[in-house]
Amino acid sequence: MNEEKQKSAVERAKEFGIDISLVEENLKRTPTERVEAMLSMLELVEEARRAKSRRQHLQPGNKG
């Protein structure tokens, strides 16, 4: 078996240049904390979409 196959996926990702620090930090959280963080981010994205939609409707010359 060659050396590359013996390395973990994490080791290979790091060598490839992938920053896995966010994954490592996220895994320190409980599953509930991870879901709460995801829901919070989802709320932020949805609010940004609503703001973009309101802005587009208020632009001069926009019919709607």
Protein backbone atom coordinates (compact mmCIF):
# COMPACT_ATOMS: atom_id res chain seq x y z
CA MET A 1 0.00 0.00 0.00
CA ASN A 2 1.44 3.36 -0.92
CA GLU A 3 1.90 6.25 1.50
CA GLU A 4 -0.82 8.42 -0.09
CA LYS A 5 -3.52 5.81 0.61
CA GLN A 6 -2.42 5.58 4.26
CA LYS A 7 -2.99 9.31 4.87
CA SER A 8 -6.33 10.40 6.21
CA ALA A 9 -8.69 12.50 4.14
CA VAL A 10 -8.01 15.39 6.51
CA GLU A 11 -4.25 15.13 5.99
CA ARG A 12 -4.70 15.01 2.21
CA ALA A 13 -7.05 18.02 2.29
CA LYS A 14 -4.54 20.03 4.33
CA GLU A 15 -1.70 19.13 1.97
CA PHE A 16 -3.87 20.14 -0.98
CA GLY A 17 -4.28 23.57 0.62
CA ILE A 18 -7.79 23.32 2.00
CA ASP A 19 -8.36 25.23 5.24
CA ILE A 20 -10.36 22.85 7.40
CA SER A 21 -10.28 25.04 10.51
CA LEU A 22 -13.96 25.98 10.11
CA VAL A 23 -14.93 22.32 9.94
CA GLU A 24 -12.83 21.56 13.01
CA GLU A 25 -14.37 24.47 14.96
CA ASN A 26 -17.88 23.50 13.90
CA LEU A 27 -17.34 19.92 15.07
CA LYS A 28 -16.54 21.23 18.57
CA ARG A 29 -20.17 22.34 18.80
CA THR A 30 -23.03 20.10 19.77
CA PRO A 31 -25.42 19.03 17.02
CA THR A 32 -28.03 21.41 18.48
CA GLU A 33 -25.57 24.31 18.39
CA ARG A 34 -24.72 23.51 14.76
CA VAL A 35 -28.40 23.48 13.77
CA GLU A 36 -29.03 26.76 15.61
CA ALA A 37 -26.09 28.38 13.81
CA MET A 38 -27.36 27.09 10.47
CA LEU A 39 -30.86 28.43 11.14
CA SER A 40 -29.43 31.80 12.12
CA MET A 41 -27.47 31.96 8.87
CA LEU A 42 -30.58 30.95 6.93
CA GLU A 43 -32.52 33.84 8.52
CA LEU A 44 -29.77 36.23 7.46
CA VAL A 45 -29.85 34.97 3.87
CA GLU A 46 -33.63 35.20 3.71
CA GLU A 47 -33.59 38.77 5.05
CA ALA A 48 -30.94 39.73 2.46
CA ARG A 49 -33.17 38.31 -0.29
CA ARG A 50 -36.19 40.25 0.99
CA ALA A 51 -34.13 43.45 1.12
CA LYS A 52 -32.92 42.91 -2.42
CA SER A 53 -36.49 42.35 -3.61
CA ARG A 54 -37.74 45.51 -1.86
CA ARG A 55 -34.88 47.50 -3.34
CA GLN A 56 -35.61 46.27 -6.86
CA HIS A 57 -39.29 47.20 -6.52
CA LEU A 58 -38.39 50.73 -5.40
CA GLN A 59 -36.03 51.51 -8.29
CA PRO A 60 -37.27 54.18 -10.73
CA GLY A 61 -38.70 52.79 -13.94
CA ASN A 62 -39.46 49.41 -12.39
CA LYS A 63 -43.00 48.30 -13.16
CA GLY A 64 -44.26 46.31 -10.27
